[in-house]
PDB file of all heavy atoms in Angstrom:
ATOM      1  N   PHE A   1      10.367   0.010   5.220  1.00  0.00           N
ATOM      2  CA  PHE A   1      10.417   1.016   4.156  1.00  0.00           C
ATOM      3  C   PHE A   1       9.182   1.887   4.328  1.00  0.00           C
ATOM      4  O   PHE A   1       8.051   1.404   4.212  1.00  0.00           O
ATOM      5  CB  PHE A   1      10.421   0.328   2.789  1.00  0.00           C
ATOM      6  CG  PHE A   1      10.487   1.262   1.617  1.00  0.00           C
ATOM      7  CD1 PHE A   1      11.703   1.673   1.101  1.00  0.00           C
ATOM      8  CD2 PHE A   1       9.322   1.729   1.014  1.00  0.00           C
ATOM      9  CE1 PHE A   1      11.761   2.527   0.010  1.00  0.00           C
ATOM     10  CE2 PHE A   1       9.369   2.587  -0.072  1.00  0.00           C
ATOM     11  CZ  PHE A   1      10.596   2.981  -0.577  1.00  0.00           C
ATOM     12  N   LEU A   2       9.400   3.160   4.625  1.00  0.00           N
ATOM     13  CA  LEU A   2       8.298   4.096   4.861  1.00  0.00           C
ATOM     14  C   LEU A   2       8.188   5.037   3.673  1.00  0.00           C
ATOM     15  O   LEU A   2       9.164   5.683   3.300  1.00  0.00           O
ATOM     16  CB  LEU A   2       8.542   4.870   6.156  1.00  0.00           C
ATOM     17  CG  LEU A   2       7.429   5.800   6.641  1.00  0.00           C
ATOM     18  CD1 LEU A   2       7.475   5.924   8.171  1.00  0.00           C
ATOM     19  CD2 LEU A   2       7.519   7.203   6.017  1.00  0.00           C
ATOM     20  N   ARG A   3       6.999   5.100   3.105  1.00  0.00           N
ATOM     21  CA  ARG A   3       6.770   5.953   1.935  1.00  0.00           C
ATOM     22  C   ARG A   3       5.707   6.988   2.251  1.00  0.00           C
ATOM     23  O   ARG A   3       4.590   6.638   2.639  1.00  0.00           O
ATOM     24  CB  ARG A   3       6.312   5.101   0.740  1.00  0.00           C
ATOM     25  CG  ARG A   3       6.160   5.907  -0.553  1.00  0.00           C
ATOM     26  CD  ARG A   3       5.671   4.994  -1.682  1.00  0.00           C
ATOM     27  NE  ARG A   3       4.264   4.669  -1.512  1.00  0.00           N
ATOM     28  CZ  ARG A   3       3.667   3.622  -2.097  1.00  0.00           C
ATOM     29  NH1 ARG A   3       4.368   2.786  -2.837  1.00  0.00           N
ATOM     30  NH2 ARG A   3       2.382   3.392  -1.894  1.00  0.00           N
ATOM     31  N   ILE A   4       6.067   8.249   2.089  1.00  0.00           N
ATOM     32  CA  ILE A   4       5.088   9.334   2.170  1.00  0.00           C
ATOM     33  C   ILE A   4       4.594   9.584   0.755  1.00  0.00           C
ATOM     34  O   ILE A   4       5.365   9.965  -0.126  1.00  0.00           O
ATOM     35  CB  ILE A   4       5.713  10.600   2.780  1.00  0.00           C
ATOM     36  CG1 ILE A   4       6.230  10.314   4.196  1.00  0.00           C
ATOM     37  CG2 ILE A   4       4.690  11.733   2.817  1.00  0.00           C
ATOM     38  CD1 ILE A   4       7.000  11.461   4.813  1.00  0.00           C
ATOM     39  N   ASN A   5       3.331   9.336   0.536  1.00  0.00           N
ATOM     40  CA  ASN A   5       2.762   9.394  -0.807  1.00  0.00           C
ATOM     41  C   ASN A   5       2.470  10.840  -1.199  1.00  0.00           C
ATOM     42  O   ASN A   5       1.634  11.503  -0.577  1.00  0.00           O
ATOM     43  CB  ASN A   5       1.482   8.554  -0.862  1.00  0.00           C
ATOM     44  CG  ASN A   5       1.747   7.094  -0.583  1.00  0.00           C
ATOM     45  OD1 ASN A   5       2.161   6.347  -1.443  1.00  0.00           O
ATOM     46  ND2 ASN A   5       1.506   6.676   0.661  1.00  0.00           N
ATOM     47  N   GLU A   6       3.166  11.303  -2.198  1.00  0.00           N
ATOM     48  CA  GLU A   6       3.024  12.685  -2.662  1.00  0.00           C
ATOM     49  C   GLU A   6       2.005  12.724  -3.807  1.00  0.00           C
ATOM     50  O   GLU A   6       2.268  12.268  -4.912  1.00  0.00           O
ATOM     51  CB  GLU A   6       4.378  13.218  -3.147  1.00  0.00           C
ATOM     52  CG  GLU A   6       5.541  12.996  -2.186  1.00  0.00           C
ATOM     53  CD  GLU A   6       5.579  14.001  -1.041  1.00  0.00           C
ATOM     54  OE1 GLU A   6       4.774  14.959  -1.057  1.00  0.00           O
ATOM     55  OE2 GLU A   6       6.411  13.817  -0.143  1.00  0.00           O
ATOM     56  N   GLY A   7       0.815  13.239  -3.521  1.00  0.00           N
ATOM     57  CA  GLY A   7      -0.186  13.390  -4.563  1.00  0.00           C
ATOM     58  C   GLY A   7      -0.923  12.115  -4.925  1.00  0.00           C
ATOM     59  O   GLY A   7      -1.440  11.996  -6.035  1.00  0.00           O
ATOM     60  N   THR A   8      -0.999  11.153  -4.008  1.00  0.00           N
ATOM     61  CA  THR A   8      -1.716   9.908  -4.257  1.00  0.00           C
ATOM     62  C   THR A   8      -3.041   9.940  -3.507  1.00  0.00           C
ATOM     63  O   THR A   8      -3.092  10.306  -2.332  1.00  0.00           O
ATOM     64  CB  THR A   8      -0.881   8.700  -3.789  1.00  0.00           C
ATOM     65  OG1 THR A   8       0.346   8.693  -4.505  1.00  0.00           O
ATOM     66  CG2 THR A   8      -1.617   7.395  -4.056  1.00  0.00           C
ATOM     67  N   SER A   9      -4.117   9.534  -4.164  1.00  0.00           N
ATOM     68  CA  SER A   9      -5.443   9.577  -3.556  1.00  0.00           C
ATOM     69  C   SER A   9      -5.653   8.376  -2.641  1.00  0.00           C
ATOM     70  O   SER A   9      -5.024   7.325  -2.816  1.00  0.00           O
ATOM     71  CB  SER A   9      -6.521   9.583  -4.637  1.00  0.00           C
ATOM     72  OG  SER A   9      -6.580   8.320  -5.277  1.00  0.00           O
ATOM     73  N   PRO A  10      -6.557   8.489  -1.662  1.00  0.00           N
ATOM     74  CA  PRO A  10      -6.894   7.335  -0.823  1.00  0.00           C
ATOM     75  C   PRO A  10      -7.418   6.157  -1.648  1.00  0.00           C
ATOM     76  O   PRO A  10      -7.168   4.998  -1.302  1.00  0.00           O
ATOM     77  CB  PRO A  10      -7.970   7.887   0.113  1.00  0.00           C
ATOM     78  CG  PRO A  10      -7.714   9.360   0.166  1.00  0.00           C
ATOM     79  CD  PRO A  10      -7.229   9.725  -1.209  1.00  0.00           C
ATOM     80  N   GLU A  11      -8.126   6.458  -2.736  1.00  0.00           N
ATOM     81  CA  GLU A  11      -8.643   5.381  -3.589  1.00  0.00           C
ATOM     82  C   GLU A  11      -7.500   4.613  -4.246  1.00  0.00           C
ATOM     83  O   GLU A  11      -7.538   3.378  -4.348  1.00  0.00           O
ATOM     84  CB  GLU A  11      -9.576   5.959  -4.659  1.00  0.00           C
ATOM     85  CG  GLU A  11     -10.871   6.544  -4.120  1.00  0.00           C
ATOM     86  CD  GLU A  11     -10.712   7.915  -3.500  1.00  0.00           C
ATOM     87  OE1 GLU A  11      -9.667   8.569  -3.736  1.00  0.00           O
ATOM     88  OE2 GLU A  11     -11.620   8.339  -2.753  1.00  0.00           O
ATOM     89  N   ASP A  12      -6.462   5.333  -4.687  1.00  0.00           N
ATOM     90  CA  ASP A  12      -5.309   4.670  -5.297  1.00  0.00           C
ATOM     91  C   ASP A  12      -4.568   3.798  -4.277  1.00  0.00           C
ATOM     92  O   ASP A  12      -4.091   2.708  -4.605  1.00  0.00           O
ATOM     93  CB  ASP A  12      -4.342   5.700  -5.887  1.00  0.00           C
ATOM     94  CG  ASP A  12      -4.844   6.282  -7.193  1.00  0.00           C
ATOM     95  OD1 ASP A  12      -5.721   5.658  -7.821  1.00  0.00           O
ATOM     96  OD2 ASP A  12      -4.362   7.356  -7.593  1.00  0.00           O
ATOM     97  N   LEU A  13      -4.483   4.281  -3.034  1.00  0.00           N
ATOM     98  CA  LEU A  13      -3.801   3.499  -2.004  1.00  0.00           C
ATOM     99  C   LEU A  13      -4.587   2.241  -1.656  1.00  0.00           C
ATOM    100  O   LEU A  13      -4.000   1.172  -1.428  1.00  0.00           O
ATOM    101  CB  LEU A  13      -3.584   4.348  -0.760  1.00  0.00           C
ATOM    102  CG  LEU A  13      -2.534   5.447  -0.876  1.00  0.00           C
ATOM    103  CD1 LEU A  13      -2.470   6.258   0.408  1.00  0.00           C
ATOM    104  CD2 LEU A  13      -1.169   4.861  -1.197  1.00  0.00           C
ATOM    105  N   ALA A  14      -5.906   2.357  -1.593  1.00  0.00           N
ATOM    106  CA  ALA A  14      -6.727   1.170  -1.326  1.00  0.00           C
ATOM    107  C   ALA A  14      -6.560   0.147  -2.446  1.00  0.00           C
ATOM    108  O   ALA A  14      -6.449  -1.065  -2.191  1.00  0.00           O
ATOM    109  CB  ALA A  14      -8.188   1.568  -1.180  1.00  0.00           C
ATOM    110  N   TYR A  15      -6.512   0.635  -3.677  1.00  0.00           N
ATOM    111  CA  TYR A  15      -6.279  -0.254  -4.817  1.00  0.00           C
ATOM    112  C   TYR A  15      -4.921  -0.935  -4.694  1.00  0.00           C
ATOM    113  O   TYR A  15      -4.792  -2.147  -4.913  1.00  0.00           O
ATOM    114  CB  TYR A  15      -6.360   0.559  -6.108  1.00  0.00           C
ATOM    115  CG  TYR A  15      -5.980  -0.198  -7.353  1.00  0.00           C
ATOM    116  CD1 TYR A  15      -6.933  -0.924  -8.061  1.00  0.00           C
ATOM    117  CD2 TYR A  15      -4.678  -0.179  -7.839  1.00  0.00           C
ATOM    118  CE1 TYR A  15      -6.591  -1.631  -9.203  1.00  0.00           C
ATOM    119  CE2 TYR A  15      -4.323  -0.875  -8.980  1.00  0.00           C
ATOM    120  CZ  TYR A  15      -5.292  -1.590  -9.660  1.00  0.00           C
ATOM    121  OH  TYR A  15      -4.937  -2.282 -10.792  1.00  0.00           O
ATOM    122  N   GLU A  16      -3.889  -0.162  -4.322  1.00  0.00           N
ATOM    123  CA  GLU A  16      -2.555  -0.732  -4.188  1.00  0.00           C
ATOM    124  C   GLU A  16      -2.520  -1.810  -3.108  1.00  0.00           C
ATOM    125  O   GLU A  16      -1.906  -2.871  -3.297  1.00  0.00           O
ATOM    126  CB  GLU A  16      -1.542   0.365  -3.860  1.00  0.00           C
ATOM    127  CG  GLU A  16      -0.119  -0.163  -3.719  1.00  0.00           C
ATOM    128  CD  GLU A  16       0.857   0.890  -3.232  1.00  0.00           C
ATOM    129  OE1 GLU A  16       0.446   1.778  -2.456  1.00  0.00           O
ATOM    130  OE2 GLU A  16       2.031   0.820  -3.621  1.00  0.00           O
ATOM    131  N   ARG A  17      -3.150  -1.555  -1.965  1.00  0.00           N
ATOM    132  CA  ARG A  17      -3.155  -2.550  -0.890  1.00  0.00           C
ATOM    133  C   ARG A  17      -3.793  -3.860  -1.361  1.00  0.00           C
ATOM    134  O   ARG A  17      -3.283  -4.949  -1.088  1.00  0.00           O
ATOM    135  CB  ARG A  17      -3.891  -2.002   0.338  1.00  0.00           C
ATOM    136  CG  ARG A  17      -3.085  -1.004   1.142  1.00  0.00           C
ATOM    137  CD  ARG A  17      -3.718  -0.753   2.494  1.00  0.00           C
ATOM    138  NE  ARG A  17      -5.003  -0.055   2.371  1.00  0.00           N
ATOM    139  CZ  ARG A  17      -5.134   1.258   2.403  1.00  0.00           C
ATOM    140  NH1 ARG A  17      -4.068   2.033   2.532  1.00  0.00           N
ATOM    141  NH2 ARG A  17      -6.320   1.820   2.299  1.00  0.00           N
ATOM    142  N   ASN A  18      -4.910  -3.736  -2.065  1.00  0.00           N
ATOM    143  CA  ASN A  18      -5.595  -4.939  -2.546  1.00  0.00           C
ATOM    144  C   ASN A  18      -4.761  -5.673  -3.593  1.00  0.00           C
ATOM    145  O   ASN A  18      -4.693  -6.912  -3.594  1.00  0.00           O
ATOM    146  CB  ASN A  18      -6.961  -4.578  -3.118  1.00  0.00           C
ATOM    147  CG  ASN A  18      -7.914  -4.067  -2.057  1.00  0.00           C
ATOM    148  OD1 ASN A  18      -7.737  -4.342  -0.870  1.00  0.00           O
ATOM    149  ND2 ASN A  18      -8.912  -3.300  -2.462  1.00  0.00           N
ATOM    150  N   LEU A  19      -4.109  -4.915  -4.481  1.00  0.00           N
ATOM    151  CA  LEU A  19      -3.294  -5.537  -5.522  1.00  0.00           C
ATOM    152  C   LEU A  19      -2.069  -6.220  -4.917  1.00  0.00           C
ATOM    153  O   LEU A  19      -1.730  -7.360  -5.300  1.00  0.00           O
ATOM    154  CB  LEU A  19      -2.860  -4.492  -6.547  1.00  0.00           C
ATOM    155  CG  LEU A  19      -1.945  -4.979  -7.674  1.00  0.00           C
ATOM    156  CD1 LEU A  19      -2.589  -6.124  -8.452  1.00  0.00           C
ATOM    157  CD2 LEU A  19      -1.574  -3.833  -8.613  1.00  0.00           C
ATOM    158  N   VAL A  20      -1.415  -5.566  -3.969  1.00  0.00           N
ATOM    159  CA  VAL A  20      -0.240  -6.167  -3.322  1.00  0.00           C
ATOM    160  C   VAL A  20      -0.634  -7.467  -2.628  1.00  0.00           C
ATOM    161  O   VAL A  20       0.066  -8.488  -2.727  1.00  0.00           O
ATOM    162  CB  VAL A  20       0.406  -5.177  -2.332  1.00  0.00           C
ATOM    163  CG1 VAL A  20       1.390  -5.889  -1.412  1.00  0.00           C
ATOM    164  CG2 VAL A  20       1.112  -4.058  -3.095  1.00  0.00           C
ATOM    165  N   GLY A  21      -1.756  -7.445  -1.918  1.00  0.00           N
ATOM    166  CA  GLY A  21      -2.210  -8.665  -1.262  1.00  0.00           C
ATOM    167  C   GLY A  21      -2.477  -9.784  -2.245  1.00  0.00           C
ATOM    168  O   GLY A  21      -2.133 -10.954  -1.997  1.00  0.00           O
ATOM    169  N   HIS A  22      -3.061  -9.435  -3.386  1.00  0.00           N
ATOM    170  CA  HIS A  22      -3.343 -10.438  -4.414  1.00  0.00           C
ATOM    171  C   HIS A  22      -2.051 -11.008  -4.988  1.00  0.00           C
ATOM    172  O   HIS A  22      -1.923 -12.233  -5.169  1.00  0.00           O
ATOM    173  CB  HIS A  22      -4.181  -9.797  -5.521  1.00  0.00           C
ATOM    174  CG  HIS A  22      -4.653 -10.754  -6.563  1.00  0.00           C
ATOM    175  ND1 HIS A  22      -5.846 -11.435  -6.466  1.00  0.00           N
ATOM    176  CD2 HIS A  22      -4.083 -11.160  -7.727  1.00  0.00           C
ATOM    177  CE1 HIS A  22      -5.995 -12.223  -7.515  1.00  0.00           C
ATOM    178  NE2 HIS A  22      -4.941 -12.066  -8.302  1.00  0.00           N
ATOM    179  N   LEU A  23      -1.083 -10.145  -5.265  1.00  0.00           N
ATOM    180  CA  LEU A  23       0.192 -10.601  -5.823  1.00  0.00           C
ATOM    181  C   LEU A  23       0.941 -11.502  -4.844  1.00  0.00           C
ATOM    182  O   LEU A  23       1.508 -12.524  -5.222  1.00  0.00           O
ATOM    183  CB  LEU A  23       1.054  -9.401  -6.203  1.00  0.00           C
ATOM    184  CG  LEU A  23       0.583  -8.595  -7.413  1.00  0.00           C
ATOM    185  CD1 LEU A  23       1.361  -7.285  -7.515  1.00  0.00           C
ATOM    186  CD2 LEU A  23       0.727  -9.393  -8.697  1.00  0.00           C
ATOM    187  N   LEU A  24       0.942 -11.122  -3.567  1.00  0.00           N
ATOM    188  CA  LEU A  24       1.636 -11.928  -2.572  1.00  0.00           C
ATOM    189  C   LEU A  24       1.009 -13.307  -2.440  1.00  0.00           C
ATOM    190  O   LEU A  24       1.709 -14.319  -2.281  1.00  0.00           O
ATOM    191  CB  LEU A  24       1.631 -11.213  -1.218  1.00  0.00           C
ATOM    192  CG  LEU A  24       2.523  -9.969  -1.116  1.00  0.00           C
ATOM    193  CD1 LEU A  24       2.219  -9.206   0.164  1.00  0.00           C
ATOM    194  CD2 LEU A  24       3.994 -10.354  -1.175  1.00  0.00           C
ATOM    195  N   SER A  25      -0.327 -13.361  -2.522  1.00  0.00           N
ATOM    196  CA  SER A  25      -0.991 -14.661  -2.417  1.00  0.00           C
ATOM    197  C   SER A  25      -0.646 -15.564  -3.596  1.00  0.00           C
ATOM    198  O   SER A  25      -0.727 -16.790  -3.491  1.00  0.00           O
ATOM    199  CB  SER A  25      -2.514 -14.478  -2.341  1.00  0.00           C
ATOM    200  OG  SER A  25      -3.037 -13.979  -3.564  1.00  0.00           O
ATOM    201  N   ALA A  26      -0.216 -14.941  -4.712  1.00  0.00           N
ATOM    202  CA  ALA A  26       0.191 -15.717  -5.885  1.00  0.00           C
ATOM    203  C   ALA A  26       1.692 -15.991  -5.898  1.00  0.00           C
ATOM    204  O   ALA A  26       2.207 -16.565  -6.863  1.00  0.00           O
ATOM    205  CB  ALA A  26      -0.216 -14.976  -7.157  1.00  0.00           C
ATOM    206  N   GLY A  27       2.394 -15.575  -4.852  1.00  0.00           N
ATOM    207  CA  GLY A  27       3.825 -15.821  -4.773  1.00  0.00           C
ATOM    208  C   GLY A  27       4.683 -14.866  -5.563  1.00  0.00           C
ATOM    209  O   GLY A  27       5.864 -15.129  -5.807  1.00  0.00           O
ATOM    210  N   PHE A  28       4.134 -13.712  -5.937  1.00  0.00           N
ATOM    211  CA  PHE A  28       4.910 -12.734  -6.718  1.00  0.00           C
ATOM    212  C   PHE A  28       5.788 -11.922  -5.779  1.00  0.00           C
ATOM    213  O   PHE A  28       5.347 -11.514  -4.698  1.00  0.00           O
ATOM    214  CB  PHE A  28       3.968 -11.818  -7.491  1.00  0.00           C
ATOM    215  CG  PHE A  28       4.664 -10.900  -8.452  1.00  0.00           C
ATOM    216  CD1 PHE A  28       5.068 -11.362  -9.696  1.00  0.00           C
ATOM    217  CD2 PHE A  28       4.925  -9.581  -8.116  1.00  0.00           C
ATOM    218  CE1 PHE A  28       5.719 -10.519 -10.582  1.00  0.00           C
ATOM    219  CE2 PHE A  28       5.575  -8.737  -8.999  1.00  0.00           C
ATOM    220  CZ  PHE A  28       5.969  -9.212 -10.238  1.00  0.00           C
ATOM    221  N   PRO A  29       7.061 -11.637  -6.162  1.00  0.00           N
ATOM    222  CA  PRO A  29       7.981 -10.943  -5.256  1.00  0.00           C
ATOM    223  C   PRO A  29       7.744  -9.437  -5.199  1.00  0.00           C
ATOM    224  O   PRO A  29       8.269  -8.665  -5.989  1.00  0.00           O
ATOM    225  CB  PRO A  29       9.354 -11.256  -5.856  1.00  0.00           C
ATOM    226  CG  PRO A  29       9.091 -11.414  -7.323  1.00  0.00           C
ATOM    227  CD  PRO A  29       7.731 -12.045  -7.417  1.00  0.00           C
ATOM    228  N   THR A  30       6.930  -9.027  -4.236  1.00  0.00           N
ATOM    229  CA  THR A  30       6.704  -7.611  -3.990  1.00  0.00           C
ATOM    230  C   THR A  30       6.618  -7.420  -2.483  1.00  0.00           C
ATOM    231  O   THR A  30       6.150  -8.322  -1.772  1.00  0.00           O
ATOM    232  CB  THR A  30       5.419  -7.121  -4.695  1.00  0.00           C
ATOM    233  OG1 THR A  30       5.382  -5.690  -4.681  1.00  0.00           O
ATOM    234  CG2 THR A  30       4.165  -7.672  -4.048  1.00  0.00           C
ATOM    235  N   PRO A  31       7.098  -6.315  -1.936  1.00  0.00           N
ATOM    236  CA  PRO A  31       7.142  -6.158  -0.481  1.00  0.00           C
ATOM    237  C   PRO A  31       5.749  -6.100   0.134  1.00  0.00           C
ATOM    238  O   PRO A  31       4.883  -5.367  -0.355  1.00  0.00           O
ATOM    239  CB  PRO A  31       7.879  -4.830  -0.282  1.00  0.00           C
ATOM    240  CG  PRO A  31       8.633  -4.612  -1.555  1.00  0.00           C
ATOM    241  CD  PRO A  31       7.778  -5.205  -2.623  1.00  0.00           C
ATOM    242  N   PRO A  32       5.524  -6.824   1.228  1.00  0.00           N
ATOM    243  CA  PRO A  32       4.236  -6.750   1.916  1.00  0.00           C
ATOM    244  C   PRO A  32       4.132  -5.491   2.769  1.00  0.00           C
ATOM    245  O   PRO A  32       5.138  -4.934   3.205  1.00  0.00           O
ATOM    246  CB  PRO A  32       4.237  -8.000   2.801  1.00  0.00           C
ATOM    247  CG  PRO A  32       5.683  -8.238   3.079  1.00  0.00           C
ATOM    248  CD  PRO A  32       6.424  -7.816   1.834  1.00  0.00           C
ATOM    249  N   PHE A  33       2.907  -5.038   2.984  1.00  0.00           N
ATOM    250  CA  PHE A  33       2.684  -3.937   3.913  1.00  0.00           C
ATOM    251  C   PHE A  33       2.996  -4.405   5.329  1.00  0.00           C
ATOM    252  O   PHE A  33       2.638  -5.512   5.721  1.00  0.00           O
ATOM    253  CB  PHE A  33       1.234  -3.463   3.845  1.00  0.00           C
ATOM    254  CG  PHE A  33       0.924  -2.579   2.674  1.00  0.00           C
ATOM    255  CD1 PHE A  33       0.532  -3.124   1.466  1.00  0.00           C
ATOM    256  CD2 PHE A  33       1.027  -1.212   2.784  1.00  0.00           C
ATOM    257  CE1 PHE A  33       0.245  -2.320   0.384  1.00  0.00           C
ATOM    258  CE2 PHE A  33       0.734  -0.387   1.708  1.00  0.00           C
ATOM    259  CZ  PHE A  33       0.349  -0.943   0.508  1.00  0.00           C
ATOM    260  N   ALA A  34       3.656  -3.551   6.114  1.00  0.00           N
ATOM    261  CA  ALA A  34       3.895  -3.854   7.516  1.00  0.00           C
ATOM    262  C   ALA A  34       2.636  -3.639   8.347  1.00  0.00           C
ATOM    263  O   ALA A  34       2.480  -4.224   9.414  1.00  0.00           O
ATOM    264  CB  ALA A  34       5.024  -2.987   8.062  1.00  0.00           C
ATOM    265  N   SER A  35       1.755  -2.782   7.860  1.00  0.00           N
ATOM    266  CA  SER A  35       0.464  -2.543   8.502  1.00  0.00           C
ATOM    267  C   SER A  35      -0.500  -2.047   7.432  1.00  0.00           C
ATOM    268  O   SER A  35      -0.102  -1.303   6.530  1.00  0.00           O
ATOM    269  CB  SER A  35       0.577  -1.511   9.624  1.00  0.00           C
ATOM    270  OG  SER A  35      -0.711  -1.172  10.123  1.00  0.00           O
ATOM    271  N   MET A  36      -1.766  -2.450   7.542  1.00  0.00           N
ATOM    272  CA  MET A  36      -2.774  -2.026   6.577  1.00  0.00           C
ATOM    273  C   MET A  36      -3.576  -0.822   7.079  1.00  0.00           C
ATOM    274  O   MET A  36      -4.458  -0.333   6.388  1.00  0.00           O
ATOM    275  CB  MET A  36      -3.727  -3.190   6.287  1.00  0.00           C
ATOM    276  CG  MET A  36      -3.038  -4.430   5.739  1.00  0.00           C
ATOM    277  SD  MET A  36      -2.360  -4.176   4.086  1.00  0.00           S
ATOM    278  CE  MET A  36      -3.835  -4.330   3.092  1.00  0.00           C
ATOM    279  N   ARG A  37      -3.276  -0.343   8.290  1.00  0.00           N
ATOM    280  CA  ARG A  37      -4.037   0.785   8.836  1.00  0.00           C
ATOM    281  C   ARG A  37      -3.728   2.066   8.069  1.00  0.00           C
ATOM    282  O   ARG A  37      -2.569   2.331   7.734  1.00  0.00           O
ATOM    283  CB  ARG A  37      -3.680   1.000  10.307  1.00  0.00           C
ATOM    284  CG  ARG A  37      -4.018  -0.151  11.228  1.00  0.00           C
ATOM    285  CD  ARG A  37      -3.640   0.213  12.660  1.00  0.00           C
ATOM    286  NE  ARG A  37      -3.620  -0.956  13.523  1.00  0.00           N
ATOM    287  CZ  ARG A  37      -3.200  -0.931  14.780  1.00  0.00           C
ATOM    288  NH1 ARG A  37      -2.760   0.199  15.316  1.00  0.00           N
ATOM    289  NH2 ARG A  37      -3.212  -2.042  15.496  1.00  0.00           N
ATOM    290  N   PRO A  38      -4.748   2.891   7.822  1.00  0.00           N
ATOM    291  CA  PRO A  38      -4.478   4.186   7.180  1.00  0.00           C
ATOM    292  C   PRO A  38      -3.875   5.172   8.173  1.00  0.00           C
ATOM    293  O   PRO A  38      -4.310   5.261   9.323  1.00  0.00           O
ATOM    294  CB  PRO A  38      -5.870   4.637   6.713  1.00  0.00           C
ATOM    295  CG  PRO A  38      -6.821   3.956   7.642  1.00  0.00           C
ATOM    296  CD  PRO A  38      -6.183   2.639   8.008  1.00  0.00           C
ATOM    297  N   VAL A  39      -2.854   5.911   7.752  1.00  0.00           N
ATOM    298  CA  VAL A  39      -2.232   6.933   8.583  1.00  0.00           C
ATOM    299  C   VAL A  39      -1.706   8.030   7.668  1.00  0.00           C
ATOM    300  O   VAL A  39      -1.381   7.768   6.504  1.00  0.00           O
ATOM    301  CB  VAL A  39      -1.094   6.319   9.442  1.00  0.00           C
ATOM    302  CG1 VAL A  39       0.028   5.793   8.563  1.00  0.00           C
ATOM    303  CG2 VAL A  39      -0.555   7.325  10.449  1.00  0.00           C
ATOM    304  N   THR A  40      -1.656   9.256   8.167  1.00  0.00           N
ATOM    305  CA  THR A  40      -1.187  10.378   7.361  1.00  0.00           C
ATOM    306  C   THR A  40      -0.115  11.142   8.115  1.00  0.00           C
ATOM    307  O   THR A  40      -0.005  11.077   9.348  1.00  0.00           O
ATOM    308  CB  THR A  40      -2.332  11.348   7.011  1.00  0.00           C
ATOM    309  OG1 THR A  40      -2.879  11.895   8.213  1.00  0.00           O
ATOM    310  CG2 THR A  40      -3.431  10.641   6.230  1.00  0.00           C
ATOM    311  N   PHE A  41       0.689  11.900   7.353  1.00  0.00           N
ATOM    312  CA  PHE A  41       1.674  12.827   7.903  1.00  0.00           C
ATOM    313  C   PHE A  41       1.612  14.099   7.076  1.00  0.00           C
ATOM    314  O   PHE A  41       1.739  14.049   5.846  1.00  0.00           O
ATOM    315  CB  PHE A  41       3.078  12.229   7.865  1.00  0.00           C
ATOM    316  CG  PHE A  41       4.148  13.162   8.364  1.00  0.00           C
ATOM    317  CD1 PHE A  41       4.245  13.445   9.716  1.00  0.00           C
ATOM    318  CD2 PHE A  41       5.031  13.786   7.486  1.00  0.00           C
ATOM    319  CE1 PHE A  41       5.214  14.318  10.198  1.00  0.00           C
ATOM    320  CE2 PHE A  41       6.001  14.653   7.956  1.00  0.00           C
ATOM    321  CZ  PHE A  41       6.097  14.924   9.309  1.00  0.00           C
ATOM    322  N   CYS A  42       1.375  15.233   7.737  1.00  0.00           N
ATOM    323  CA  CYS A  42       1.216  16.521   7.034  1.00  0.00           C
ATOM    324  C   CYS A  42       0.131  16.425   5.963  1.00  0.00           C
ATOM    325  O   CYS A  42       0.270  17.012   4.880  1.00  0.00           O
ATOM    326  CB  CYS A  42       2.539  16.972   6.426  1.00  0.00           C
ATOM    327  SG  CYS A  42       3.800  17.387   7.634  1.00  0.00           S
ATOM    328  N   GLY A  43      -0.909  15.677   6.258  1.00  0.00           N
ATOM    329  CA  GLY A  43      -2.017  15.528   5.320  1.00  0.00           C
ATOM    330  C   GLY A  43      -1.765  14.567   4.173  1.00  0.00           C
ATOM    331  O   GLY A  43      -2.611  14.412   3.298  1.00  0.00           O
TER     332      GLY A  43
END
């Protein structure tokens, strides 16, 4: 699942990555990131 973030700040994305990792470690059903590397498309 590829998401192009429209109007999301890098700080918000870093927060999301950390929160998703925390939820997964607790066994909560949320999709894991396929890669944690930062990448952009059209800025």
